[in-house]
Amino acid sequence: MVASTELLNKITNMIVEGTILGFVSCASVIYLCTGKVKPVIDSVHKFDEVYSAYDKLMTGHARGKVVIEVA
């Protein structure tokens, strides 16, 4: 699954509002929004499933980014 425009807009808004964690740089968002980088998302987990997301990462079988949905 490739990041959608809607997801990128949400990330951009969260950076502008200051509600996103500091590990996402503005340059990363610019590259994502311009289509120069297309991240592969392995799976999306709800916040209350954070332990299963962590388990997925620790198995080494994730074929892309494991995303935690906060809202």
PDB file of N, CA and C in Angstrom:
ATOM      1  N   MET A   1       0.851  -1.164   0.000  1.00  0.00           N
ATOM      2  CA  MET A   1       0.000   0.000   0.000  1.00  0.00           C
ATOM      3  C   MET A   1       0.903   1.235   0.000  1.00  0.00           C
ATOM      4  N   VAL A   2       0.627   2.185  -0.850  1.00  0.00           N
ATOM      5  CA  VAL A   2       1.383   3.433  -0.934  1.00  0.00           C
ATOM      6  C   VAL A   2       0.601   4.511  -0.190  1.00  0.00           C
ATOM      7  N   ALA A   3       1.313   5.413   0.466  1.00  0.00           N
ATOM      8  CA  ALA A   3       0.668   6.479   1.239  1.00  0.00           C
ATOM      9  C   ALA A   3      -0.243   7.307   0.341  1.00  0.00           C
ATOM     10  N   SER A   4      -1.452   7.549   0.811  1.00  0.00           N
ATOM     11  CA  SER A   4      -2.417   8.321   0.042  1.00  0.00           C
ATOM     12  C   SER A   4      -2.211   9.816   0.270  1.00  0.00           C
ATOM     13  N   THR A   5      -2.773  10.607  -0.612  1.00  0.00           N
ATOM     14  CA  THR A   5      -2.713  12.061  -0.466  1.00  0.00           C
ATOM     15  C   THR A   5      -3.384  12.489   0.822  1.00  0.00           C
ATOM     16  N   GLU A   6      -4.476  11.823   1.166  1.00  0.00           N
ATOM     17  CA  GLU A   6      -5.197  12.152   2.406  1.00  0.00           C
ATOM     18  C   GLU A   6      -4.300  11.934   3.620  1.00  0.00           C
ATOM     19  N   LEU A   7      -3.568  10.824   3.643  1.00  0.00           N
ATOM     20  CA  LEU A   7      -2.665  10.541   4.755  1.00  0.00           C
ATOM     21  C   LEU A   7      -1.552  11.578   4.819  1.00  0.00           C
ATOM     22  N   LEU A   8      -1.004  11.936   3.669  1.00  0.00           N
ATOM     23  CA  LEU A   8       0.070  12.929   3.646  1.00  0.00           C
ATOM     24  C   LEU A   8      -0.433  14.284   4.125  1.00  0.00           C
ATOM     25  N   ASN A   9      -1.653  14.636   3.753  1.00  0.00           N
ATOM     26  CA  ASN A   9      -2.237  15.890   4.232  1.00  0.00           C
ATOM     27  C   ASN A   9      -2.412  15.879   5.740  1.00  0.00           C
ATOM     28  N   LYS A  10      -2.838  14.743   6.289  1.00  0.00           N
ATOM     29  CA  LYS A  10      -2.988  14.627   7.743  1.00  0.00           C
ATOM     30  C   LYS A  10      -1.645  14.802   8.434  1.00  0.00           C
ATOM     31  N   ILE A  11      -0.609  14.164   7.897  1.00  0.00           N
ATOM     32  CA  ILE A  11       0.728  14.274   8.488  1.00  0.00           C
ATOM     33  C   ILE A  11       1.198  15.722   8.434  1.00  0.00           C
ATOM     34  N   THR A  12       1.007  16.369   7.288  1.00  0.00           N
ATOM     35  CA  THR A  12       1.415  17.772   7.146  1.00  0.00           C
ATOM     36  C   THR A  12       0.693  18.653   8.151  1.00  0.00           C
ATOM     37  N   ASN A  13      -0.614  18.458   8.296  1.00  0.00           N
ATOM     38  CA  ASN A  13      -1.389  19.249   9.265  1.00  0.00           C
ATOM     39  C   ASN A  13      -0.904  19.004  10.684  1.00  0.00           C
ATOM     40  N   MET A  14      -0.563  17.761  11.008  1.00  0.00           N
ATOM     41  CA  MET A  14      -0.092  17.447  12.352  1.00  0.00           C
ATOM     42  C   MET A  14       1.254  18.119  12.617  1.00  0.00           C
ATOM     43  N   ILE A  15       2.103  18.226  11.607  1.00  0.00           N
ATOM     44  CA  ILE A  15       3.383  18.913  11.787  1.00  0.00           C
ATOM     45  C   ILE A  15       3.138  20.396  12.015  1.00  0.00           C
ATOM     46  N   VAL A  16       2.267  20.978  11.204  1.00  0.00           N
ATOM     47  CA  VAL A  16       1.972  22.413  11.335  1.00  0.00           C
ATOM     48  C   VAL A  16       1.360  22.708  12.703  1.00  0.00           C
ATOM     49  N   GLU A  17       0.458  21.833  13.165  1.00  0.00           N
ATOM     50  CA  GLU A  17      -0.198  22.034  14.454  1.00  0.00           C
ATOM     51  C   GLU A  17       0.709  21.688  15.628  1.00  0.00           C
ATOM     52  N   GLY A  18       1.800  20.988  15.359  1.00  0.00           N
ATOM     53  CA  GLY A  18       2.708  20.586  16.421  1.00  0.00           C
ATOM     54  C   GLY A  18       2.234  19.375  17.199  1.00  0.00           C
ATOM     55  N   THR A  19       1.325  18.584  16.610  1.00  0.00           N
ATOM     56  CA  THR A  19       0.794  17.422  17.325  1.00  0.00           C
ATOM     57  C   THR A  19       1.466  16.114  16.942  1.00  0.00           C
ATOM     58  N   ILE A  20       2.410  16.158  16.011  1.00  0.00           N
ATOM     59  CA  ILE A  20       3.092  14.926  15.602  1.00  0.00           C
ATOM     60  C   ILE A  20       4.411  14.814  16.353  1.00  0.00           C
ATOM     61  N   LEU A  21       4.847  13.607  16.559  1.00  0.00           N
ATOM     62  CA  LEU A  21       6.124  13.388  17.236  1.00  0.00           C
ATOM     63  C   LEU A  21       7.260  13.944  16.386  1.00  0.00           C
ATOM     64  N   GLY A  22       8.331  14.330  17.012  1.00  0.00           N
ATOM     65  CA  GLY A  22       9.416  15.027  16.346  1.00  0.00           C
ATOM     66  C   GLY A  22      10.276  14.217  15.407  1.00  0.00           C
ATOM     67  N   PHE A  23       9.986  12.945  15.200  1.00  0.00           N
ATOM     68  CA  PHE A  23      10.866  12.140  14.363  1.00  0.00           C
ATOM     69  C   PHE A  23      10.583  12.291  12.873  1.00  0.00           C
ATOM     70  N   VAL A  24       9.537  13.005  12.502  1.00  0.00           N
ATOM     71  CA  VAL A  24       9.231  13.226  11.094  1.00  0.00           C
ATOM     72  C   VAL A  24       9.734  14.609  10.713  1.00  0.00           C
ATOM     73  N   SER A  25      10.658  14.665   9.781  1.00  0.00           N
ATOM     74  CA  SER A  25      11.194  15.968   9.385  1.00  0.00           C
ATOM     75  C   SER A  25      10.312  16.602   8.317  1.00  0.00           C
ATOM     76  N   CYS A  26      10.372  17.904   8.233  1.00  0.00           N
ATOM     77  CA  CYS A  26       9.615  18.628   7.209  1.00  0.00           C
ATOM     78  C   CYS A  26      10.074  18.212   5.818  1.00  0.00           C
ATOM     79  N   ALA A  27      11.365  17.966   5.657  1.00  0.00           N
ATOM     80  CA  ALA A  27      11.889  17.534   4.358  1.00  0.00           C
ATOM     81  C   ALA A  27      11.259  16.215   3.939  1.00  0.00           C
ATOM     82  N   SER A  28      11.049  15.313   4.895  1.00  0.00           N
ATOM     83  CA  SER A  28      10.424  14.026   4.585  1.00  0.00           C
ATOM     84  C   SER A  28       9.022  14.230   4.049  1.00  0.00           C
ATOM     85  N   VAL A  29       8.277  15.122   4.678  1.00  0.00           N
ATOM     86  CA  VAL A  29       6.901  15.379   4.245  1.00  0.00           C
ATOM     87  C   VAL A  29       6.895  16.007   2.862  1.00  0.00           C
ATOM     88  N   ILE A  30       7.839  16.900   2.587  1.00  0.00           N
ATOM     89  CA  ILE A  30       7.914  17.529   1.263  1.00  0.00           C
ATOM     90  C   ILE A  30       8.179  16.471   0.201  1.00  0.00           C
ATOM     91  N   TYR A  31       9.111  15.580   0.457  1.00  0.00           N
ATOM     92  CA  TYR A  31       9.394  14.515  -0.508  1.00  0.00           C
ATOM     93  C   TYR A  31       8.182  13.615  -0.701  1.00  0.00           C
ATOM     94  N   LEU A  32       7.465  13.303   0.374  1.00  0.00           N
ATOM     95  CA  LEU A  32       6.279  12.471   0.261  1.00  0.00           C
ATOM     96  C   LEU A  32       5.199  13.161  -0.559  1.00  0.00           C
ATOM     97  N   CYS A  33       4.952  14.437  -0.273  1.00  0.00           N
ATOM     98  CA  CYS A  33       3.881  15.182  -0.940  1.00  0.00           C
ATOM     99  C   CYS A  33       4.172  15.410  -2.416  1.00  0.00           C
ATOM    100  N   THR A  34       5.431  15.536  -2.781  1.00  0.00           N
ATOM    101  CA  THR A  34       5.773  15.766  -4.184  1.00  0.00           C
ATOM    102  C   THR A  34       5.874  14.464  -4.966  1.00  0.00           C
ATOM    103  N   GLY A  35       5.787  13.350  -4.280  1.00  0.00           N
ATOM    104  CA  GLY A  35       5.836  12.064  -4.964  1.00  0.00           C
ATOM    105  C   GLY A  35       7.237  11.583  -5.267  1.00  0.00           C
ATOM    106  N   LYS A  36       8.259  12.263  -4.741  1.00  0.00           N
ATOM    107  CA  LYS A  36       9.641  11.843  -4.978  1.00  0.00           C
ATOM    108  C   LYS A  36       9.977  10.588  -4.176  1.00  0.00           C
ATOM    109  N   VAL A  37       9.273  10.411  -3.086  1.00  0.00           N
ATOM    110  CA  VAL A  37       9.452   9.223  -2.254  1.00  0.00           C
ATOM    111  C   VAL A  37       8.078   8.600  -2.059  1.00  0.00           C
ATOM    112  N   LYS A  38       7.976   7.316  -2.274  1.00  0.00           N
ATOM    113  CA  LYS A  38       6.707   6.621  -2.083  1.00  0.00           C
ATOM    114  C   LYS A  38       6.923   5.493  -1.077  1.00  0.00           C
ATOM    115  N   PRO A  39       6.618   5.772   0.196  1.00  0.00           N
ATOM    116  CA  PRO A  39       6.842   4.746   1.214  1.00  0.00           C
ATOM    117  C   PRO A  39       5.870   3.581   1.054  1.00  0.00           C
ATOM    118  N   VAL A  40       6.348   2.421   1.373  1.00  0.00           N
ATOM    119  CA  VAL A  40       5.498   1.232   1.356  1.00  0.00           C
ATOM    120  C   VAL A  40       5.025   0.999   2.785  1.00  0.00           C
ATOM    121  N   ILE A  41       3.727   0.912   2.962  1.00  0.00           N
ATOM    122  CA  ILE A  41       3.154   0.691   4.283  1.00  0.00           C
ATOM    123  C   ILE A  41       2.742  -0.770   4.388  1.00  0.00           C
ATOM    124  N   ASP A  42       3.350  -1.466   5.321  1.00  0.00           N
ATOM    125  CA  ASP A  42       3.046  -2.878   5.533  1.00  0.00           C
ATOM    126  C   ASP A  42       1.670  -3.045   6.172  1.00  0.00           C
ATOM    127  N   SER A  43       1.440  -2.292   7.242  1.00  0.00           N
ATOM    128  CA  SER A  43       0.171  -2.428   7.953  1.00  0.00           C
ATOM    129  C   SER A  43      -0.114  -1.177   8.764  1.00  0.00           C
ATOM    130  N   VAL A  44      -1.393  -0.981   9.057  1.00  0.00           N
ATOM    131  CA  VAL A  44      -1.842   0.138   9.879  1.00  0.00           C
ATOM    132  C   VAL A  44      -2.584  -0.441  11.074  1.00  0.00           C
ATOM    133  N   HIS A  45      -2.178  -0.031  12.269  1.00  0.00           N
ATOM    134  CA  HIS A  45      -2.782  -0.544  13.503  1.00  0.00           C
ATOM    135  C   HIS A  45      -3.410   0.593  14.285  1.00  0.00           C
ATOM    136  N   LYS A  46      -4.521   0.313  14.932  1.00  0.00           N
ATOM    137  CA  LYS A  46      -5.122   1.297  15.826  1.00  0.00           C
ATOM    138  C   LYS A  46      -4.231   1.436  17.054  1.00  0.00           C
ATOM    139  N   PHE A  47      -4.386   2.567  17.752  1.00  0.00           N
ATOM    140  CA  PHE A  47      -3.512   2.842  18.891  1.00  0.00           C
ATOM    141  C   PHE A  47      -3.594   1.749  19.956  1.00  0.00           C
ATOM    142  N   ASP A  48      -4.769   1.189  20.159  1.00  0.00           N
ATOM    143  CA  ASP A  48      -4.898   0.147  21.184  1.00  0.00           C
ATOM    144  C   ASP A  48      -4.315  -1.192  20.737  1.00  0.00           C
ATOM    145  N   GLU A  49      -3.831  -1.276  19.501  1.00  0.00           N
ATOM    146  CA  GLU A  49      -3.173  -2.485  18.989  1.00  0.00           C
ATOM    147  C   GLU A  49      -1.656  -2.286  18.881  1.00  0.00           C
ATOM    148  N   VAL A  50      -1.132  -1.348  19.666  1.00  0.00           N
ATOM    149  CA  VAL A  50       0.279  -0.988  19.549  1.00  0.00           C
ATOM    150  C   VAL A  50       1.193  -2.183  19.849  1.00  0.00           C
ATOM    151  N   TYR A  51       0.784  -3.065  20.737  1.00  0.00           N
ATOM    152  CA  TYR A  51       1.622  -4.228  21.055  1.00  0.00           C
ATOM    153  C   TYR A  51       1.699  -5.210  19.894  1.00  0.00           C
ATOM    154  N   SER A  52       0.603  -5.389  19.167  1.00  0.00           N
ATOM    155  CA  SER A  52       0.656  -6.280  18.004  1.00  0.00           C
ATOM    156  C   SER A  52       1.507  -5.650  16.897  1.00  0.00           C
ATOM    157  N   ALA A  53       1.473  -4.320  16.778  1.00  0.00           N
ATOM    158  CA  ALA A  53       2.333  -3.642  15.801  1.00  0.00           C
ATOM    159  C   ALA A  53       3.799  -3.825  16.165  1.00  0.00           C
ATOM    160  N   TYR A  54       4.105  -3.689  17.442  1.00  0.00           N
ATOM    161  CA  TYR A  54       5.475  -3.890  17.911  1.00  0.00           C
ATOM    162  C   TYR A  54       5.930  -5.325  17.644  1.00  0.00           C
ATOM    163  N   ASP A  55       5.052  -6.288  17.903  1.00  0.00           N
ATOM    164  CA  ASP A  55       5.378  -7.689  17.628  1.00  0.00           C
ATOM    165  C   ASP A  55       5.680  -7.896  16.150  1.00  0.00           C
ATOM    166  N   LYS A  56       4.902  -7.246  15.285  1.00  0.00           N
ATOM    167  CA  LYS A  56       5.123  -7.350  13.843  1.00  0.00           C
ATOM    168  C   LYS A  56       6.524  -6.847  13.484  1.00  0.00           C
ATOM    169  N   LEU A  57       6.927  -5.726  14.079  1.00  0.00           N
ATOM    170  CA  LEU A  57       8.261  -5.195  13.813  1.00  0.00           C
ATOM    171  C   LEU A  57       9.353  -6.136  14.304  1.00  0.00           C
ATOM    172  N   MET A  58       9.165  -6.694  15.464  1.00  0.00           N
ATOM    173  CA  MET A  58      10.201  -7.526  16.072  1.00  0.00           C
ATOM    174  C   MET A  58      10.374  -8.874  15.372  1.00  0.00           C
ATOM    175  N   THR A  59       9.373  -9.310  14.623  1.00  0.00           N
ATOM    176  CA  THR A  59       9.517 -10.581  13.899  1.00  0.00           C
ATOM    177  C   THR A  59      10.441 -10.433  12.696  1.00  0.00           C
ATOM    178  N   GLY A  60      10.587  -9.184  12.221  1.00  0.00           N
ATOM    179  CA  GLY A  60      11.418  -8.959  11.046  1.00  0.00           C
ATOM    180  C   GLY A  60      10.711  -9.290   9.749  1.00  0.00           C
ATOM    181  N   HIS A  61       9.397  -9.510   9.792  1.00  0.00           N
ATOM    182  CA  HIS A  61       8.643  -9.880   8.593  1.00  0.00           C
ATOM    183  C   HIS A  61       7.888  -8.714   7.965  1.00  0.00           C
ATOM    184  N   ALA A  62       8.007  -7.526   8.521  1.00  0.00           N
ATOM    185  CA  ALA A  62       7.321  -6.363   7.945  1.00  0.00           C
ATOM    186  C   ALA A  62       7.974  -6.028   6.607  1.00  0.00           C
ATOM    187  N   ARG A  63       7.164  -5.828   5.588  1.00  0.00           N
ATOM    188  CA  ARG A  63       7.658  -5.522   4.242  1.00  0.00           C
ATOM    189  C   ARG A  63       7.521  -4.046   3.911  1.00  0.00           C
ATOM    190  N   GLY A  64       7.447  -3.227   4.936  1.00  0.00           N
ATOM    191  CA  GLY A  64       7.304  -1.787   4.778  1.00  0.00           C
ATOM    192  C   GLY A  64       7.128  -1.174   6.162  1.00  0.00           C
ATOM    193  N   LYS A  65       6.606   0.024   6.191  1.00  0.00           N
ATOM    194  CA  LYS A  65       6.410   0.722   7.455  1.00  0.00           C
ATOM    195  C   LYS A  65       5.194   0.171   8.198  1.00  0.00           C
ATOM    196  N   VAL A  66       5.321   0.069   9.494  1.00  0.00           N
ATOM    197  CA  VAL A  66       4.198  -0.309  10.360  1.00  0.00           C
ATOM    198  C   VAL A  66       3.716   0.992  10.997  1.00  0.00           C
ATOM    199  N   VAL A  67       2.467   1.344  10.738  1.00  0.00           N
ATOM    200  CA  VAL A  67       1.916   2.641  11.141  1.00  0.00           C
ATOM    201  C   VAL A  67       0.959   2.457  12.311  1.00  0.00           C
ATOM    202  N   ILE A  68       1.060   3.365  13.283  1.00  0.00           N
ATOM    203  CA  ILE A  68       0.117   3.404  14.410  1.00  0.00           C
ATOM    204  C   ILE A  68      -0.842   4.561  14.163  1.00  0.00           C
ATOM    205  N   GLU A  69      -2.128   4.254  14.062  1.00  0.00           N
ATOM    206  CA  GLU A  69      -3.158   5.279  13.852  1.00  0.00           C
ATOM    207  C   GLU A  69      -3.539   5.872  15.197  1.00  0.00           C
ATOM    208  N   VAL A  70      -3.303   7.165  15.372  1.00  0.00           N
ATOM    209  CA  VAL A  70      -3.524   7.807  16.648  1.00  0.00           C
ATOM    210  C   VAL A  70      -4.938   8.352  16.775  1.00  0.00           C
ATOM    211  N   ALA A  71      -5.482   8.888  15.721  1.00  0.00           N
ATOM    212  CA  ALA A  71      -6.820   9.504  15.810  1.00  0.00           C
ATOM    213  C   ALA A  71      -7.900   8.540  15.411  1.00  0.00           C
TER     214      ALA A  71
END
